[in-house]
Amino acid sequence: MIRLAEDWKEYSVIATGDGMKLERWGDIVLLRPDPQVIWSAQRDLSSYPDLAAVYHRSEKGGGRWEYRRQLPESWNIAYKDLAFRVKPMGFKHTGLFPEQAVNWDRMRSLVEGARRPVKILNLFAYTGGATVALAKSGAEVVHVDAAKGMVERAGENARLSGIESGIRYIVDDCKKFVLRELRRGNRYDGIVMDPPSYGRGPGGEMWKIETELFPFVRLCAELLSDDALFFLINSYTTGLQPAVLSNILTLCLSGREGKIQAYEVGLPTEEGIPLPCGAGGIYTHV
């Protein structure tokens, strides 16, 4: 099963092929690499008339942006009642993963349906897409990421969305923070995490998803309140199947009432084919 983020009005995937995706971000068109796109392009994507910038990978790692026309340093796009700052950055990123809107909507419905105060922990929280969505629905959110610049961007996105309170921003290694929260006896009504394939914490801590994810989820499960609403894991790691996330949640949350679902996350395209963008797994209390 693939769940598509179909409600965007200011973002779309125009076309795909030859390892690239052509995207419209507001009125700006970008061409970026995508490891899932292993099929041939049906047209020359690099000659699209409105193309503003292309990201070229380097054989030595990383890459660079080629600008076809002058662009603002950053610009804003909206999703429903949320707003986000978009900016071409190193290693092809823009500061936003539009496919995650399908998870934002699911979590927001759970928070709003609870009809009570809820406290959510967002780990590996990046620029705060999930944080902003959850806070907009009234949740108190603790936002944790090891990169100070990304946490600052999350604050900007919250303010763009009209959110001035309800979010606590933490720059820290996620595992160290979770261990401290356990010692403090803090509990959360929901946890969302977006772990990288590889990474380093601010103190040089190493993360490798194949070896670290299961024990980390098991650790985080101890932070859930008795009547927790959800535990959501998202993964961009190529080859990590939804069933893997389902198995991890099943083993780590055994004994809790509720259900577990796992699925692919993706985006619709103007070509009429879905673009896969990773896997999601969610435990819900109801």
C-alpha atoms as a PDB file:
ATOM      1  CA  MET A   1       0.000   0.000   0.000  1.00  0.00           C
ATOM      2  CA  ILE A   2       1.243   3.475  -0.863  1.00  0.00           C
ATOM      3  CA  ARG A   3      -0.152   6.601   0.758  1.00  0.00           C
ATOM      4  CA  LEU A   4       0.155   9.677  -1.442  1.00  0.00           C
ATOM      5  CA  ALA A   5       0.334  13.289  -0.282  1.00  0.00           C
ATOM      6  CA  GLU A   6      -2.345  14.435  -2.718  1.00  0.00           C
ATOM      7  CA  ASP A   7      -3.557  17.675  -1.112  1.00  0.00           C
ATOM      8  CA  TRP A   8      -0.719  20.014  -2.085  1.00  0.00           C
ATOM      9  CA  LYS A   9      -1.691  23.081  -4.120  1.00  0.00           C
ATOM     10  CA  GLU A  10       1.670  24.893  -4.150  1.00  0.00           C
ATOM     11  CA  TYR A  11       3.894  21.878  -4.806  1.00  0.00           C
ATOM     12  CA  SER A  12       3.839  19.224  -7.517  1.00  0.00           C
ATOM     13  CA  VAL A  13       6.035  16.663  -9.256  1.00  0.00           C
ATOM     14  CA  ILE A  14       5.901  17.558 -12.942  1.00  0.00           C
ATOM     15  CA  ALA A  15       7.875  14.656 -14.400  1.00  0.00           C
ATOM     16  CA  THR A  16      10.437  11.994 -13.504  1.00  0.00           C
ATOM     17  CA  GLY A  17      13.096   9.836 -15.161  1.00  0.00           C
ATOM     18  CA  ASP A  18      16.796   9.017 -15.482  1.00  0.00           C
ATOM     19  CA  GLY A  19      17.352   9.392 -11.740  1.00  0.00           C
ATOM     20  CA  MET A  20      15.791  12.860 -11.566  1.00  0.00           C
ATOM     21  CA  LYS A  21      12.517  14.526 -10.562  1.00  0.00           C
ATOM     22  CA  LEU A  22      11.206  17.821 -11.910  1.00  0.00           C
ATOM     23  CA  GLU A  23       9.304  19.704  -9.202  1.00  0.00           C
ATOM     24  CA  ARG A  24       7.302  22.905  -8.896  1.00  0.00           C
ATOM     25  CA  TRP A  25       7.769  24.687  -5.562  1.00  0.00           C
ATOM     26  CA  GLY A  26       5.324  27.568  -5.727  1.00  0.00           C
ATOM     27  CA  ASP A  27       6.278  29.269  -8.985  1.00  0.00           C
ATOM     28  CA  ILE A  28       9.867  27.958  -8.999  1.00  0.00           C
ATOM     29  CA  VAL A  29      10.816  24.750 -10.816  1.00  0.00           C
ATOM     30  CA  LEU A  30      13.763  22.631  -9.619  1.00  0.00           C
ATOM     31  CA  LEU A  31      15.347  19.461 -11.017  1.00  0.00           C
ATOM     32  CA  ARG A  32      16.851  17.176  -8.363  1.00  0.00           C
ATOM     33  CA  PRO A  33      18.217  13.619  -8.152  1.00  0.00           C
ATOM     34  CA  ASP A  34      16.019  10.858  -6.739  1.00  0.00           C
ATOM     35  CA  PRO A  35      17.435   7.367  -6.109  1.00  0.00           C
ATOM     36  CA  GLN A  36      14.038   5.705  -6.617  1.00  0.00           C
ATOM     37  CA  VAL A  37      13.688   6.987 -10.197  1.00  0.00           C
ATOM     38  CA  ILE A  38      15.348   4.173 -12.144  1.00  0.00           C
ATOM     39  CA  TRP A  39      13.099   4.439 -15.222  1.00  0.00           C
ATOM     40  CA  SER A  40      13.723   6.475 -18.370  1.00  0.00           C
ATOM     41  CA  ALA A  41      12.434  10.015 -18.723  1.00  0.00           C
ATOM     42  CA  GLN A  42       9.643  10.508 -21.240  1.00  0.00           C
ATOM     43  CA  ARG A  43      11.058  13.921 -22.177  1.00  0.00           C
ATOM     44  CA  ASP A  44      14.205  15.979 -21.680  1.00  0.00           C
ATOM     45  CA  LEU A  45      13.726  17.205 -18.121  1.00  0.00           C
ATOM     46  CA  SER A  46      16.740  19.528 -18.216  1.00  0.00           C
ATOM     47  CA  SER A  47      15.235  21.559 -21.072  1.00  0.00           C
ATOM     48  CA  TYR A  48      11.948  22.318 -19.285  1.00  0.00           C
ATOM     49  CA  PRO A  49      11.258  25.983 -20.159  1.00  0.00           C
ATOM     50  CA  ASP A  50      10.626  27.247 -16.607  1.00  0.00           C
ATOM     51  CA  LEU A  51      13.508  25.340 -14.997  1.00  0.00           C
ATOM     52  CA  ALA A  52      15.242  27.556 -12.442  1.00  0.00           C
ATOM     53  CA  ALA A  53      17.946  25.293 -10.993  1.00  0.00           C
ATOM     54  CA  VAL A  54      19.431  21.805 -11.366  1.00  0.00           C
ATOM     55  CA  TYR A  55      21.287  19.827  -8.731  1.00  0.00           C
ATOM     56  CA  HIS A  56      24.270  17.884 -10.129  1.00  0.00           C
ATOM     57  CA  ARG A  57      25.733  15.029  -8.111  1.00  0.00           C
ATOM     58  CA  SER A  58      29.507  14.704  -7.833  1.00  0.00           C
ATOM     59  CA  GLU A  59      31.272  11.376  -8.226  1.00  0.00           C
ATOM     60  CA  LYS A  60      33.265  12.309  -5.118  1.00  0.00           C
ATOM     61  CA  GLY A  61      30.083  12.748  -3.066  1.00  0.00           C
ATOM     62  CA  GLY A  62      27.737  15.674  -2.598  1.00  0.00           C
ATOM     63  CA  GLY A  63      27.261  17.945  -5.565  1.00  0.00           C
ATOM     64  CA  ARG A  64      26.306  21.469  -6.575  1.00  0.00           C
ATOM     65  CA  TRP A  65      23.387  23.577  -7.759  1.00  0.00           C
ATOM     66  CA  GLU A  66      23.423  25.000 -11.291  1.00  0.00           C
ATOM     67  CA  TYR A  67      21.225  28.096 -11.420  1.00  0.00           C
ATOM     68  CA  ARG A  68      19.516  28.798 -14.738  1.00  0.00           C
ATOM     69  CA  ARG A  69      18.085  32.090 -13.542  1.00  0.00           C
ATOM     70  CA  GLN A  70      18.301  34.334 -10.513  1.00  0.00           C
ATOM     71  CA  LEU A  71      16.403  32.979  -7.535  1.00  0.00           C
ATOM     72  CA  PRO A  72      15.489  34.461  -4.161  1.00  0.00           C
ATOM     73  CA  GLU A  73      17.613  33.049  -1.349  1.00  0.00           C
ATOM     74  CA  SER A  74      14.429  31.449  -0.007  1.00  0.00           C
ATOM     75  CA  TRP A  75      10.690  31.555  -0.545  1.00  0.00           C
ATOM     76  CA  ASN A  76       7.549  30.276   1.157  1.00  0.00           C
ATOM     77  CA  ILE A  77       4.971  27.674   0.172  1.00  0.00           C
ATOM     78  CA  ALA A  78       1.754  26.708   1.935  1.00  0.00           C
ATOM     79  CA  TYR A  79       0.083  23.416   2.767  1.00  0.00           C
ATOM     80  CA  LYS A  80      -3.467  23.897   4.042  1.00  0.00           C
ATOM     81  CA  ASP A  81      -3.087  26.155   7.110  1.00  0.00           C
ATOM     82  CA  LEU A  82       0.703  25.654   7.344  1.00  0.00           C
ATOM     83  CA  ALA A  83       3.555  27.612   5.749  1.00  0.00           C
ATOM     84  CA  PHE A  84       7.160  26.602   5.150  1.00  0.00           C
ATOM     85  CA  ARG A  85      10.357  28.272   4.033  1.00  0.00           C
ATOM     86  CA  VAL A  86      12.012  26.620   1.028  1.00  0.00           C
ATOM     87  CA  LYS A  87      15.700  27.102   0.249  1.00  0.00           C
ATOM     88  CA  PRO A  88      18.056  25.112  -2.020  1.00  0.00           C
ATOM     89  CA  MET A  89      20.749  23.710   0.264  1.00  0.00           C
ATOM     90  CA  GLY A  90      23.722  21.389   0.090  1.00  0.00           C
ATOM     91  CA  PHE A  91      23.232  17.764  -0.942  1.00  0.00           C
ATOM     92  CA  LYS A  92      20.112  18.573  -3.033  1.00  0.00           C
ATOM     93  CA  HIS A  93      17.806  19.403  -0.094  1.00  0.00           C
ATOM     94  CA  THR A  94      15.275  22.225   0.079  1.00  0.00           C
ATOM     95  CA  GLY A  95      14.372  22.052   3.769  1.00  0.00           C
ATOM     96  CA  LEU A  96      11.049  20.295   3.245  1.00  0.00           C
ATOM     97  CA  PHE A  97       9.834  16.790   2.384  1.00  0.00           C
ATOM     98  CA  PRO A  98       6.378  17.292   0.801  1.00  0.00           C
ATOM     99  CA  GLU A  99       5.447  13.597   0.904  1.00  0.00           C
ATOM    100  CA  GLN A 100       5.351  13.830   4.693  1.00  0.00           C
ATOM    101  CA  ALA A 101       2.096  15.766   4.476  1.00  0.00           C
ATOM    102  CA  VAL A 102       0.307  12.407   4.482  1.00  0.00           C
ATOM    103  CA  ASN A 103       1.775  11.704   7.925  1.00  0.00           C
ATOM    104  CA  TRP A 104       1.116  15.248   9.171  1.00  0.00           C
ATOM    105  CA  ASP A 105      -2.573  14.850   8.349  1.00  0.00           C
ATOM    106  CA  ARG A 106      -2.796  11.487  10.115  1.00  0.00           C
ATOM    107  CA  MET A 107      -1.147  12.727  13.290  1.00  0.00           C
ATOM    108  CA  ARG A 108      -3.194  15.923  13.344  1.00  0.00           C
ATOM    109  CA  SER A 109      -6.434  13.948  13.166  1.00  0.00           C
ATOM    110  CA  LEU A 110      -5.318  11.852  16.136  1.00  0.00           C
ATOM    111  CA  VAL A 111      -4.372  14.911  18.198  1.00  0.00           C
ATOM    112  CA  GLU A 112      -7.572  16.768  17.381  1.00  0.00           C
ATOM    113  CA  GLY A 113      -9.672  13.672  18.020  1.00  0.00           C
ATOM    114  CA  ALA A 114      -8.176  13.188  21.491  1.00  0.00           C
ATOM    115  CA  ARG A 115      -9.967  16.290  22.819  1.00  0.00           C
ATOM    116  CA  ARG A 116      -7.433  16.636  25.614  1.00  0.00           C
ATOM    117  CA  PRO A 117      -3.998  18.223  26.083  1.00  0.00           C
ATOM    118  CA  VAL A 118      -1.308  16.094  24.465  1.00  0.00           C
ATOM    119  CA  LYS A 119       2.473  16.227  24.549  1.00  0.00           C
ATOM    120  CA  ILE A 120       4.419  14.998  21.517  1.00  0.00           C
ATOM    121  CA  LEU A 121       8.130  14.222  21.038  1.00  0.00           C
ATOM    122  CA  ASN A 122       9.568  14.792  17.549  1.00  0.00           C
ATOM    123  CA  LEU A 123      13.003  13.176  17.120  1.00  0.00           C
ATOM    124  CA  PHE A 124      15.415  13.823  14.228  1.00  0.00           C
ATOM    125  CA  ALA A 125      12.949  16.645  13.679  1.00  0.00           C
ATOM    126  CA  TYR A 126      14.833  18.538  10.904  1.00  0.00           C
ATOM    127  CA  THR A 127      13.069  21.767   9.899  1.00  0.00           C
ATOM    128  CA  GLY A 128       9.899  20.912  11.760  1.00  0.00           C
ATOM    129  CA  GLY A 129       7.263  19.848   9.257  1.00  0.00           C
ATOM    130  CA  ALA A 130       5.672  17.464  11.759  1.00  0.00           C
ATOM    131  CA  THR A 131       6.345  19.835  14.658  1.00  0.00           C
ATOM    132  CA  VAL A 132       4.518  22.700  12.992  1.00  0.00           C
ATOM    133  CA  ALA A 133       1.607  20.492  11.908  1.00  0.00           C
ATOM    134  CA  LEU A 134       1.128  19.036  15.395  1.00  0.00           C
ATOM    135  CA  ALA A 135       1.486  22.375  17.166  1.00  0.00           C
ATOM    136  CA  LYS A 136      -1.065  23.911  14.788  1.00  0.00           C
ATOM    137  CA  SER A 137      -3.536  21.273  16.000  1.00  0.00           C
ATOM    138  CA  GLY A 138      -2.911  22.255  19.619  1.00  0.00           C
ATOM    139  CA  ALA A 139      -0.277  19.743  20.745  1.00  0.00           C
ATOM    140  CA  GLU A 140       2.631  20.690  22.973  1.00  0.00           C
ATOM    141  CA  VAL A 141       5.700  19.579  21.000  1.00  0.00           C
ATOM    142  CA  VAL A 142       9.298  18.910  22.025  1.00  0.00           C
ATOM    143  CA  HIS A 143      11.432  19.244  18.879  1.00  0.00           C
ATOM    144  CA  VAL A 144      14.869  17.557  18.962  1.00  0.00           C
ATOM    145  CA  ASP A 145      17.576  17.629  16.286  1.00  0.00           C
ATOM    146  CA  ALA A 146      21.369  17.623  16.407  1.00  0.00           C
ATOM    147  CA  ALA A 147      21.740  20.405  13.798  1.00  0.00           C
ATOM    148  CA  LYS A 148      21.334  23.899  15.218  1.00  0.00           C
ATOM    149  CA  GLY A 149      20.632  25.421  11.810  1.00  0.00           C
ATOM    150  CA  MET A 150      17.766  23.025  11.149  1.00  0.00           C
ATOM    151  CA  VAL A 151      16.232  23.724  14.558  1.00  0.00           C
ATOM    152  CA  GLU A 152      16.388  27.445  13.807  1.00  0.00           C
ATOM    153  CA  ARG A 153      14.618  26.802  10.500  1.00  0.00           C
ATOM    154  CA  ALA A 154      11.909  24.912  12.407  1.00  0.00           C
ATOM    155  CA  GLY A 155      11.313  28.005  14.513  1.00  0.00           C
ATOM    156  CA  GLU A 156      10.976  30.085  11.350  1.00  0.00           C
ATOM    157  CA  ASN A 157       8.441  27.632   9.915  1.00  0.00           C
ATOM    158  CA  ALA A 158       6.430  27.748  13.125  1.00  0.00           C
ATOM    159  CA  ARG A 159       6.284  31.542  13.044  1.00  0.00           C
ATOM    160  CA  LEU A 160       5.330  31.497   9.353  1.00  0.00           C
ATOM    161  CA  SER A 161       2.431  29.232  10.321  1.00  0.00           C
ATOM    162  CA  GLY A 162       1.286  31.619  13.045  1.00  0.00           C
ATOM    163  CA  ILE A 163       2.600  29.522  15.947  1.00  0.00           C
ATOM    164  CA  GLU A 164       4.252  31.551  18.700  1.00  0.00           C
ATOM    165  CA  SER A 165       4.161  29.079  21.599  1.00  0.00           C
ATOM    166  CA  GLY A 166       3.744  25.412  22.434  1.00  0.00           C
ATOM    167  CA  ILE A 167       7.063  24.208  20.967  1.00  0.00           C
ATOM    168  CA  ARG A 168      10.251  23.491  22.918  1.00  0.00           C
ATOM    169  CA  TYR A 169      13.330  23.393  20.673  1.00  0.00           C
ATOM    170  CA  ILE A 170      16.268  21.168  21.667  1.00  0.00           C
ATOM    171  CA  VAL A 171      19.644  20.938  19.889  1.00  0.00           C
ATOM    172  CA  ASP A 172      21.015  17.599  21.028  1.00  0.00           C
ATOM    173  CA  ASP A 173      21.788  13.998  20.139  1.00  0.00           C
ATOM    174  CA  CYS A 174      18.404  12.252  20.132  1.00  0.00           C
ATOM    175  CA  LYS A 175      19.526   9.197  22.102  1.00  0.00           C
ATOM    176  CA  LYS A 176      21.130  11.291  24.837  1.00  0.00           C
ATOM    177  CA  PHE A 177      17.974  13.379  25.118  1.00  0.00           C
ATOM    178  CA  VAL A 178      15.736  10.299  25.377  1.00  0.00           C
ATOM    179  CA  LEU A 179      17.927   8.824  28.125  1.00  0.00           C
ATOM    180  CA  ARG A 180      17.686  12.081  30.098  1.00  0.00           C
ATOM    181  CA  GLU A 181      13.902  12.164  29.695  1.00  0.00           C
ATOM    182  CA  LEU A 182      13.651   8.616  31.031  1.00  0.00           C
ATOM    183  CA  ARG A 183      15.731   9.548  34.077  1.00  0.00           C
ATOM    184  CA  ARG A 184      13.480  12.573  34.634  1.00  0.00           C
ATOM    185  CA  GLY A 185      10.359  10.428  34.435  1.00  0.00           C
ATOM    186  CA  ASN A 186       8.847  12.439  31.579  1.00  0.00           C
ATOM    187  CA  ARG A 187       6.241  10.792  29.351  1.00  0.00           C
ATOM    188  CA  TYR A 188       4.708  11.628  25.971  1.00  0.00           C
ATOM    189  CA  ASP A 189       1.343  11.044  24.343  1.00  0.00           C
ATOM    190  CA  GLY A 190       2.936  10.582  20.936  1.00  0.00           C
ATOM    191  CA  ILE A 191       6.354  10.090  19.379  1.00  0.00           C
ATOM    192  CA  VAL A 192       7.355  10.732  15.781  1.00  0.00           C
ATOM    193  CA  MET A 193      10.834  10.075  14.442  1.00  0.00           C
ATOM    194  CA  ASP A 194      12.477  10.542  11.060  1.00  0.00           C
ATOM    195  CA  PRO A 195      15.849   8.813  11.518  1.00  0.00           C
ATOM    196  CA  PRO A 196      18.601   9.249   8.932  1.00  0.00           C
ATOM    197  CA  SER A 197      20.388   6.341   7.317  1.00  0.00           C
ATOM    198  CA  TYR A 198      23.656   7.647   8.703  1.00  0.00           C
ATOM    199  CA  GLY A 199      24.433  10.577  10.930  1.00  0.00           C
ATOM    200  CA  ARG A 200      26.510  12.166  13.647  1.00  0.00           C
ATOM    201  CA  GLY A 201      25.361  13.900  16.791  1.00  0.00           C
ATOM    202  CA  PRO A 202      26.799  17.234  17.972  1.00  0.00           C
ATOM    203  CA  GLY A 203      29.384  15.329  20.017  1.00  0.00           C
ATOM    204  CA  GLY A 204      30.395  13.050  17.146  1.00  0.00           C
ATOM    205  CA  GLU A 205      27.954  10.277  18.104  1.00  0.00           C
ATOM    206  CA  MET A 206      27.509   7.812  15.246  1.00  0.00           C
ATOM    207  CA  TRP A 207      24.119   6.640  13.942  1.00  0.00           C
ATOM    208  CA  LYS A 208      23.585   3.784  11.486  1.00  0.00           C
ATOM    209  CA  ILE A 209      19.945   2.904  10.988  1.00  0.00           C
ATOM    210  CA  GLU A 210      20.426  -0.848  10.442  1.00  0.00           C
ATOM    211  CA  THR A 211      22.001  -1.321  13.869  1.00  0.00           C
ATOM    212  CA  GLU A 212      20.593   1.592  15.872  1.00  0.00           C
ATOM    213  CA  LEU A 213      16.909   1.811  14.967  1.00  0.00           C
ATOM    214  CA  PHE A 214      15.495  -1.212  16.810  1.00  0.00           C
ATOM    215  CA  PRO A 215      17.181  -0.590  20.185  1.00  0.00           C
ATOM    216  CA  PHE A 216      16.371   3.119  19.909  1.00  0.00           C
ATOM    217  CA  VAL A 217      12.666   2.507  19.249  1.00  0.00           C
ATOM    218  CA  ARG A 218      12.594   0.068  22.171  1.00  0.00           C
ATOM    219  CA  LEU A 219      14.129   2.768  24.362  1.00  0.00           C
ATOM    220  CA  CYS A 220      11.679   5.434  23.146  1.00  0.00           C
ATOM    221  CA  ALA A 221       8.720   3.131  23.799  1.00  0.00           C
ATOM    222  CA  GLU A 222       9.428   3.557  27.515  1.00  0.00           C
ATOM    223  CA  LEU A 223       8.597   7.265  27.135  1.00  0.00           C
ATOM    224  CA  LEU A 224       5.016   6.643  26.002  1.00  0.00           C
ATOM    225  CA  SER A 225       2.201   7.478  28.399  1.00  0.00           C
ATOM    226  CA  ASP A 226      -0.295   4.753  29.284  1.00  0.00           C
ATOM    227  CA  ASP A 227      -2.896   6.167  26.899  1.00  0.00           C
ATOM    228  CA  ALA A 228      -0.487   7.378  24.202  1.00  0.00           C
ATOM    229  CA  LEU A 229      -2.075   8.261  20.859  1.00  0.00           C
ATOM    230  CA  PHE A 230       0.625   7.126  18.431  1.00  0.00           C
ATOM    231  CA  PHE A 231       4.220   6.197  17.645  1.00  0.00           C
ATOM    232  CA  LEU A 232       5.218   6.973  14.063  1.00  0.00           C
ATOM    233  CA  ILE A 233       8.463   6.054  12.308  1.00  0.00           C
ATOM    234  CA  ASN A 234       9.340   7.391   8.882  1.00  0.00           C
ATOM    235  CA  SER A 235      12.320   6.180   6.876  1.00  0.00           C
ATOM    236  CA  TYR A 236      13.856   7.346   3.600  1.00  0.00           C
ATOM    237  CA  THR A 237      16.407   4.534   3.614  1.00  0.00           C
ATOM    238  CA  THR A 238      16.242   2.824   0.219  1.00  0.00           C
ATOM    239  CA  GLY A 239      15.403  -0.838   0.633  1.00  0.00           C
ATOM    240  CA  LEU A 240      13.989  -0.581   4.155  1.00  0.00           C
ATOM    241  CA  GLN A 241      10.573  -2.184   3.634  1.00  0.00           C
ATOM    242  CA  PRO A 242       7.402  -1.081   5.451  1.00  0.00           C
ATOM    243  CA  ALA A 243       7.206  -4.551   7.016  1.00  0.00           C
ATOM    244  CA  VAL A 244      10.502  -3.854   8.797  1.00  0.00           C
ATOM    245  CA  LEU A 245       8.961  -0.844  10.535  1.00  0.00           C
ATOM    246  CA  SER A 246       5.859  -2.886  11.354  1.00  0.00           C
ATOM    247  CA  ASN A 247       7.993  -5.615  12.917  1.00  0.00           C
ATOM    248  CA  ILE A 248       9.987  -3.132  14.984  1.00  0.00           C
ATOM    249  CA  LEU A 249       6.854  -1.448  16.337  1.00  0.00           C
ATOM    250  CA  THR A 250       5.182  -4.798  17.028  1.00  0.00           C
ATOM    251  CA  LEU A 251       8.151  -6.077  19.040  1.00  0.00           C
ATOM    252  CA  CYS A 252       8.818  -2.810  20.876  1.00  0.00           C
ATOM    253  CA  LEU A 253       5.182  -2.087  21.772  1.00  0.00           C
ATOM    254  CA  SER A 254       4.055  -5.605  22.668  1.00  0.00           C
ATOM    255  CA  GLY A 255       1.498  -5.562  25.445  1.00  0.00           C
ATOM    256  CA  ARG A 256      -0.091  -2.286  24.351  1.00  0.00           C
ATOM    257  CA  GLU A 257      -3.612  -2.229  22.998  1.00  0.00           C
ATOM    258  CA  GLY A 258      -3.930  -0.688  19.559  1.00  0.00           C
ATOM    259  CA  LYS A 259      -3.004  -1.409  15.974  1.00  0.00           C
ATOM    260  CA  ILE A 260       0.076  -1.112  13.789  1.00  0.00           C
ATOM    261  CA  GLN A 261       0.073  -0.193  10.116  1.00  0.00           C
ATOM    262  CA  ALA A 262       2.977   0.082   7.672  1.00  0.00           C
ATOM    263  CA  TYR A 263       2.976   1.563   4.188  1.00  0.00           C
ATOM    264  CA  GLU A 264       4.950   3.286   1.478  1.00  0.00           C
ATOM    265  CA  VAL A 265       4.868   7.093   1.393  1.00  0.00           C
ATOM    266  CA  GLY A 266       4.772   8.831  -1.954  1.00  0.00           C
ATOM    267  CA  LEU A 267       3.783  11.723  -4.179  1.00  0.00           C
ATOM    268  CA  PRO A 268       1.457  11.860  -7.156  1.00  0.00           C
ATOM    269  CA  THR A 269       3.011  13.075 -10.408  1.00  0.00           C
ATOM    270  CA  GLU A 270       1.601  14.939 -13.375  1.00  0.00           C
ATOM    271  CA  GLU A 271       2.644  11.883 -15.416  1.00  0.00           C
ATOM    272  CA  GLY A 272       0.015   9.833 -13.608  1.00  0.00           C
ATOM    273  CA  ILE A 273       2.444   7.519 -11.809  1.00  0.00           C
ATOM    274  CA  PRO A 274       3.210   7.571  -8.077  1.00  0.00           C
ATOM    275  CA  LEU A 275       6.700   8.523  -6.915  1.00  0.00           C
ATOM    276  CA  PRO A 276       7.744   6.360  -3.925  1.00  0.00           C
ATOM    277  CA  CYS A 277       9.455   8.384  -1.195  1.00  0.00           C
ATOM    278  CA  GLY A 278      10.156   5.967   1.634  1.00  0.00           C
ATOM    279  CA  ALA A 279       8.289   3.933   4.222  1.00  0.00           C
ATOM    280  CA  GLY A 280       6.155   4.715   7.226  1.00  0.00           C
ATOM    281  CA  GLY A 281       4.994   2.681  10.190  1.00  0.00           C
ATOM    282  CA  ILE A 282       2.551   3.831  12.852  1.00  0.00           C
ATOM    283  CA  TYR A 283       1.150   2.443  16.081  1.00  0.00           C
ATOM    284  CA  THR A 284      -2.174   3.971  17.095  1.00  0.00           C
ATOM    285  CA  HIS A 285      -4.056   3.484  20.362  1.00  0.00           C
ATOM    286  CA  VAL A 286      -7.410   3.417  18.533  1.00  0.00           C
END
